[in-house]
């Protein structure tokens, strides 16, 4: 069997416009938007969002992983942004763990994005 296709993360969005603004702040491009679905891309990375207007960000358990080869580059890019524009979002420092390095972004909907680099 030949497996084809692609797999993307699906996260909730309380408000599509506000969510798109946040992810565009991170550098993503809006590539699709309807009343119930939204797709954003950053390079080859794709995030899809479903409309969830009743989600409470503090109760969100949604997450996605961003696997990269140079975590420092991503951290420096996102850390240089003006996070005061989105006070409900958060960027953590890089953690150096035995098997990987990671930092996290908590988006405006309470979703957790883990940016990971596996140790060689």
N, C-alpha and C. Protein backbone atom coordinates (compact mmCIF):
# COMPACT_ATOMS: atom_id res chain seq x y z
N UNK A 1 0.85 -1.19 0.00
CA UNK A 1 0.00 0.00 0.00
C UNK A 1 0.88 1.23 0.00
N UNK A 2 0.52 2.21 -0.80
CA UNK A 2 1.22 3.48 -0.83
C UNK A 2 0.35 4.50 -0.08
N UNK A 3 0.90 5.06 0.98
CA UNK A 3 0.17 6.06 1.76
C UNK A 3 0.45 7.44 1.19
N UNK A 4 -0.59 8.19 0.94
CA UNK A 4 -0.45 9.53 0.40
C UNK A 4 -1.30 10.49 1.22
N UNK A 5 -1.07 11.77 1.04
CA UNK A 5 -1.83 12.77 1.75
C UNK A 5 -0.94 13.51 2.74
N UNK A 6 -1.56 14.25 3.61
CA UNK A 6 -0.81 14.96 4.64
C UNK A 6 -1.67 15.05 5.89
N UNK A 7 -1.01 15.31 6.99
CA UNK A 7 -1.65 15.37 8.29
C UNK A 7 -1.41 16.76 8.87
N UNK A 8 -2.45 17.37 9.41
CA UNK A 8 -2.30 18.69 10.01
C UNK A 8 -2.94 18.72 11.39
N UNK A 9 -2.49 19.65 12.20
CA UNK A 9 -3.08 19.86 13.51
C UNK A 9 -4.37 20.66 13.35
N UNK A 10 -5.35 20.36 14.18
CA UNK A 10 -6.63 21.07 14.17
C UNK A 10 -6.85 21.64 15.57
N UNK A 11 -6.92 22.94 15.65
CA UNK A 11 -7.05 23.63 16.92
C UNK A 11 -8.34 24.45 16.95
N UNK A 12 -8.85 24.74 18.13
CA UNK A 12 -10.07 25.56 18.23
C UNK A 12 -9.76 27.04 18.09
N UNK A 13 -10.71 27.76 17.57
CA UNK A 13 -10.63 29.22 17.48
C UNK A 13 -11.94 29.81 17.99
N UNK A 14 -11.83 30.60 19.04
CA UNK A 14 -13.01 31.25 19.59
C UNK A 14 -13.54 32.27 18.58
N UNK A 15 -12.64 33.03 18.01
CA UNK A 15 -12.97 34.06 17.02
C UNK A 15 -11.94 33.95 15.89
N UNK A 16 -12.41 33.69 14.68
CA UNK A 16 -11.48 33.49 13.57
C UNK A 16 -10.64 34.73 13.25
N UNK A 17 -11.24 35.90 13.29
CA UNK A 17 -10.50 37.11 12.94
C UNK A 17 -9.37 37.35 13.95
N UNK A 18 -9.69 37.25 15.23
CA UNK A 18 -8.68 37.47 16.26
C UNK A 18 -7.60 36.39 16.21
N UNK A 19 -8.01 35.14 15.97
CA UNK A 19 -7.05 34.04 15.87
C UNK A 19 -6.15 34.23 14.66
N UNK A 20 -6.71 34.61 13.51
CA UNK A 20 -5.90 34.87 12.31
C UNK A 20 -4.92 36.00 12.58
N UNK A 21 -5.37 37.06 13.24
CA UNK A 21 -4.46 38.18 13.56
C UNK A 21 -3.29 37.70 14.42
N UNK A 22 -3.54 36.85 15.41
CA UNK A 22 -2.47 36.35 16.26
C UNK A 22 -1.48 35.51 15.45
N UNK A 23 -1.97 34.60 14.65
CA UNK A 23 -1.07 33.73 13.90
C UNK A 23 -0.35 34.49 12.78
N UNK A 24 -0.96 35.51 12.24
CA UNK A 24 -0.26 36.37 11.28
C UNK A 24 0.85 37.15 11.99
N UNK A 25 0.62 37.54 13.21
CA UNK A 25 1.64 38.15 14.06
C UNK A 25 2.85 37.21 14.17
N UNK A 26 2.59 35.88 14.26
CA UNK A 26 3.67 34.89 14.34
C UNK A 26 4.32 34.63 12.99
N UNK A 27 3.72 35.12 11.90
CA UNK A 27 4.29 34.94 10.58
C UNK A 27 3.51 34.02 9.65
N UNK A 28 2.40 33.47 10.13
CA UNK A 28 1.59 32.57 9.31
C UNK A 28 0.79 33.38 8.28
N UNK A 29 0.46 32.73 7.17
CA UNK A 29 -0.39 33.31 6.14
C UNK A 29 -1.75 32.62 6.18
N UNK A 30 -2.80 33.41 6.05
CA UNK A 30 -4.15 32.87 5.98
C UNK A 30 -4.36 32.35 4.56
N UNK A 31 -4.68 31.05 4.43
CA UNK A 31 -4.87 30.47 3.10
C UNK A 31 -6.31 30.02 2.85
N UNK A 32 -7.11 29.88 3.90
CA UNK A 32 -8.51 29.51 3.71
C UNK A 32 -9.30 29.97 4.93
N UNK A 33 -10.52 30.45 4.66
CA UNK A 33 -11.39 30.88 5.75
C UNK A 33 -12.84 30.71 5.32
N UNK A 34 -13.61 30.04 6.15
CA UNK A 34 -15.07 29.95 5.96
C UNK A 34 -15.70 30.25 7.32
N UNK A 35 -16.99 30.04 7.43
CA UNK A 35 -17.65 30.32 8.71
C UNK A 35 -17.30 29.28 9.76
N UNK A 36 -16.84 28.10 9.36
CA UNK A 36 -16.56 27.03 10.32
C UNK A 36 -15.13 26.52 10.31
N UNK A 37 -14.30 26.94 9.35
CA UNK A 37 -12.96 26.38 9.22
C UNK A 37 -11.98 27.45 8.74
N UNK A 38 -10.73 27.34 9.20
CA UNK A 38 -9.69 28.28 8.79
C UNK A 38 -8.37 27.52 8.69
N UNK A 39 -7.56 27.87 7.69
CA UNK A 39 -6.26 27.24 7.49
C UNK A 39 -5.20 28.33 7.36
N UNK A 40 -4.10 28.15 8.12
CA UNK A 40 -2.97 29.05 8.06
C UNK A 40 -1.71 28.25 7.79
N UNK A 41 -0.74 28.88 7.10
CA UNK A 41 0.52 28.21 6.77
C UNK A 41 1.70 29.09 7.15
N UNK A 42 2.76 28.43 7.56
CA UNK A 42 4.05 29.08 7.78
C UNK A 42 5.07 28.18 7.11
N UNK A 43 5.54 28.59 5.93
CA UNK A 43 6.38 27.70 5.14
C UNK A 43 5.56 26.47 4.77
N UNK A 44 6.05 25.29 5.12
CA UNK A 44 5.33 24.05 4.86
C UNK A 44 4.45 23.62 6.03
N UNK A 45 4.50 24.35 7.12
CA UNK A 45 3.72 24.01 8.31
C UNK A 45 2.29 24.52 8.15
N UNK A 46 1.34 23.66 8.48
CA UNK A 46 -0.08 23.98 8.32
C UNK A 46 -0.79 23.81 9.65
N UNK A 47 -1.57 24.81 10.02
CA UNK A 47 -2.47 24.72 11.17
C UNK A 47 -3.88 24.96 10.67
N UNK A 48 -4.78 24.09 11.08
CA UNK A 48 -6.18 24.26 10.74
C UNK A 48 -6.95 24.55 12.03
N UNK A 49 -7.99 25.35 11.90
CA UNK A 49 -8.78 25.77 13.06
C UNK A 49 -10.25 25.52 12.81
N UNK A 50 -10.92 25.01 13.82
CA UNK A 50 -12.38 24.87 13.77
C UNK A 50 -12.99 25.90 14.70
N UNK A 51 -14.18 26.38 14.33
CA UNK A 51 -14.84 27.42 15.11
C UNK A 51 -15.37 26.82 16.41
N UNK A 52 -14.97 27.43 17.53
CA UNK A 52 -15.39 26.96 18.85
C UNK A 52 -15.66 28.19 19.72
N UNK A 53 -16.76 28.91 19.44
CA UNK A 53 -17.00 30.20 20.10
C UNK A 53 -17.23 30.12 21.59
N UNK A 54 -17.52 28.95 22.14
CA UNK A 54 -17.81 28.84 23.57
C UNK A 54 -16.64 28.31 24.39
N UNK A 55 -15.50 28.11 23.75
CA UNK A 55 -14.31 27.62 24.45
C UNK A 55 -13.84 28.66 25.47
N UNK A 56 -13.49 28.19 26.65
CA UNK A 56 -12.85 29.04 27.66
C UNK A 56 -11.35 28.76 27.57
N UNK A 57 -10.53 29.76 27.22
CA UNK A 57 -9.10 29.51 27.03
C UNK A 57 -8.43 28.82 28.22
N UNK A 58 -8.83 29.16 29.43
CA UNK A 58 -8.20 28.55 30.61
C UNK A 58 -8.53 27.07 30.75
N UNK A 59 -9.55 26.59 30.05
CA UNK A 59 -9.94 25.18 30.11
C UNK A 59 -9.47 24.38 28.89
N UNK A 60 -8.79 25.03 27.96
CA UNK A 60 -8.38 24.35 26.74
C UNK A 60 -7.31 23.30 27.03
N UNK A 61 -7.41 22.17 26.35
CA UNK A 61 -6.41 21.10 26.46
C UNK A 61 -5.84 20.78 25.09
N UNK A 62 -6.09 21.63 24.10
CA UNK A 62 -5.65 21.40 22.73
C UNK A 62 -4.17 21.75 22.57
N UNK A 63 -3.49 20.99 21.70
CA UNK A 63 -2.07 21.27 21.49
C UNK A 63 -1.61 20.76 20.12
N UNK A 64 -0.45 21.23 19.73
CA UNK A 64 0.20 20.80 18.49
C UNK A 64 1.71 20.92 18.70
N UNK A 65 2.46 20.14 17.94
CA UNK A 65 3.93 20.20 18.00
C UNK A 65 4.48 20.78 16.70
N UNK A 66 5.47 21.63 16.84
CA UNK A 66 6.21 22.17 15.71
C UNK A 66 7.62 21.60 15.84
N UNK A 67 8.00 20.70 14.95
CA UNK A 67 9.33 20.07 15.02
C UNK A 67 10.25 20.81 14.06
N UNK A 68 11.37 21.26 14.61
CA UNK A 68 12.31 22.07 13.83
C UNK A 68 13.73 21.54 13.99
N UNK A 69 14.61 21.98 13.10
CA UNK A 69 16.02 21.60 13.18
C UNK A 69 16.87 22.64 13.88
N UNK A 70 16.38 23.89 13.97
CA UNK A 70 17.13 24.95 14.62
C UNK A 70 16.20 25.74 15.53
N UNK A 71 16.02 25.25 16.73
CA UNK A 71 15.06 25.85 17.66
C UNK A 71 15.44 27.28 18.04
N UNK A 72 16.73 27.56 18.11
CA UNK A 72 17.18 28.91 18.46
C UNK A 72 16.66 29.94 17.47
N UNK A 73 16.68 29.59 16.20
CA UNK A 73 16.23 30.50 15.15
C UNK A 73 14.75 30.86 15.33
N UNK A 74 13.92 29.87 15.58
CA UNK A 74 12.49 30.11 15.80
C UNK A 74 12.27 30.91 17.08
N UNK A 75 12.97 30.54 18.14
CA UNK A 75 12.80 31.25 19.40
C UNK A 75 13.18 32.72 19.26
N UNK A 76 14.31 33.00 18.63
CA UNK A 76 14.74 34.40 18.48
C UNK A 76 13.75 35.19 17.63
N UNK A 77 13.24 34.58 16.58
CA UNK A 77 12.27 35.27 15.73
C UNK A 77 11.00 35.62 16.52
N UNK A 78 10.43 34.62 17.20
CA UNK A 78 9.18 34.86 17.91
C UNK A 78 9.39 35.67 19.19
N UNK A 79 10.53 35.53 19.84
CA UNK A 79 10.80 36.29 21.05
C UNK A 79 10.96 37.78 20.75
N UNK A 80 11.38 38.14 19.55
CA UNK A 80 11.60 39.54 19.19
C UNK A 80 10.28 40.28 18.90
N UNK A 81 9.18 39.57 18.81
CA UNK A 81 7.89 40.20 18.53
C UNK A 81 7.36 40.94 19.76
N UNK A 82 6.45 41.85 19.53
CA UNK A 82 5.85 42.62 20.61
C UNK A 82 4.66 41.87 21.19
N UNK A 83 4.92 41.01 22.16
CA UNK A 83 3.89 40.16 22.76
C UNK A 83 2.86 40.97 23.55
N UNK A 84 3.13 42.23 23.83
CA UNK A 84 2.13 43.05 24.53
C UNK A 84 0.89 43.28 23.66
N UNK A 85 0.99 43.03 22.35
CA UNK A 85 -0.16 43.15 21.47
C UNK A 85 -1.19 42.05 21.73
N UNK A 86 -0.74 40.94 22.32
CA UNK A 86 -1.62 39.81 22.64
C UNK A 86 -1.33 39.37 24.07
N UNK A 87 -1.78 40.15 25.06
CA UNK A 87 -1.42 39.87 26.46
C UNK A 87 -1.91 38.53 26.99
N UNK A 88 -2.91 37.94 26.37
CA UNK A 88 -3.40 36.64 26.82
C UNK A 88 -2.55 35.49 26.29
N UNK A 89 -1.66 35.75 25.34
CA UNK A 89 -0.76 34.73 24.79
C UNK A 89 0.56 34.73 25.56
N UNK A 90 1.32 33.67 25.39
CA UNK A 90 2.56 33.55 26.15
C UNK A 90 3.61 32.77 25.36
N UNK A 91 4.85 33.17 25.51
CA UNK A 91 6.01 32.47 24.95
C UNK A 91 6.92 32.11 26.12
N UNK A 92 7.29 30.84 26.24
CA UNK A 92 8.17 30.42 27.33
C UNK A 92 9.63 30.47 26.88
N UNK A 93 10.53 30.34 27.82
CA UNK A 93 11.95 30.21 27.51
C UNK A 93 12.23 28.81 26.98
N UNK A 94 13.37 28.62 26.37
CA UNK A 94 13.77 27.30 25.88
C UNK A 94 14.16 26.43 27.07
N UNK A 95 13.63 25.22 27.09
CA UNK A 95 14.01 24.22 28.08
C UNK A 95 14.99 23.26 27.41
N UNK A 96 16.07 22.95 28.11
CA UNK A 96 17.07 22.02 27.60
C UNK A 96 16.92 20.72 28.37
N UNK A 97 16.25 19.75 27.76
CA UNK A 97 15.98 18.46 28.37
C UNK A 97 16.94 17.42 27.80
N UNK A 98 17.10 16.27 28.45
CA UNK A 98 18.07 15.29 27.96
C UNK A 98 17.86 14.85 26.51
N UNK A 99 16.62 14.69 26.08
CA UNK A 99 16.36 14.18 24.74
C UNK A 99 15.93 15.24 23.73
N UNK A 100 15.61 16.42 24.22
CA UNK A 100 15.13 17.46 23.31
C UNK A 100 15.26 18.83 23.95
N UNK A 101 15.12 19.84 23.10
CA UNK A 101 14.97 21.22 23.54
C UNK A 101 13.56 21.63 23.12
N UNK A 102 12.93 22.46 23.95
CA UNK A 102 11.59 22.92 23.59
C UNK A 102 11.31 24.29 24.19
N UNK A 103 10.45 25.01 23.51
CA UNK A 103 9.79 26.16 24.12
C UNK A 103 8.33 26.07 23.72
N UNK A 104 7.50 26.81 24.42
CA UNK A 104 6.06 26.71 24.18
C UNK A 104 5.46 28.08 23.89
N UNK A 105 4.44 28.04 23.09
CA UNK A 105 3.58 29.19 22.84
C UNK A 105 2.19 28.78 23.29
N UNK A 106 1.56 29.62 24.09
CA UNK A 106 0.16 29.44 24.42
C UNK A 106 -0.58 30.52 23.64
N UNK A 107 -1.44 30.08 22.73
CA UNK A 107 -2.11 31.05 21.87
C UNK A 107 -3.29 31.71 22.58
N UNK A 108 -3.95 32.59 21.89
CA UNK A 108 -5.03 33.37 22.50
C UNK A 108 -6.26 32.54 22.84
N UNK A 109 -6.33 31.31 22.30
CA UNK A 109 -7.44 30.41 22.59
C UNK A 109 -7.10 29.42 23.68
N UNK A 110 -5.89 29.52 24.24
CA UNK A 110 -5.45 28.60 25.27
C UNK A 110 -4.79 27.35 24.74
N UNK A 111 -4.59 27.24 23.43
CA UNK A 111 -3.93 26.07 22.84
C UNK A 111 -2.43 26.15 23.05
N UNK A 112 -1.83 25.00 23.27
CA UNK A 112 -0.40 24.89 23.52
C UNK A 112 0.31 24.44 22.24
N UNK A 113 1.28 25.24 21.80
CA UNK A 113 2.15 24.85 20.69
C UNK A 113 3.53 24.58 21.26
N UNK A 114 3.99 23.35 21.12
CA UNK A 114 5.33 22.99 21.58
C UNK A 114 6.26 23.05 20.37
N UNK A 115 7.28 23.88 20.46
CA UNK A 115 8.30 23.93 19.41
C UNK A 115 9.45 23.06 19.90
N UNK A 116 9.75 21.97 19.15
CA UNK A 116 10.69 20.95 19.60
C UNK A 116 11.85 20.76 18.64
N UNK A 117 13.00 20.50 19.23
CA UNK A 117 14.16 20.04 18.46
C UNK A 117 14.72 18.84 19.21
N UNK A 118 14.71 17.68 18.54
CA UNK A 118 15.25 16.48 19.16
C UNK A 118 16.77 16.57 19.21
N UNK A 119 17.36 16.03 20.27
CA UNK A 119 18.82 16.01 20.38
C UNK A 119 19.35 14.94 19.44
N UNK A 120 20.44 15.25 18.77
CA UNK A 120 21.04 14.30 17.81
C UNK A 120 21.72 13.16 18.53
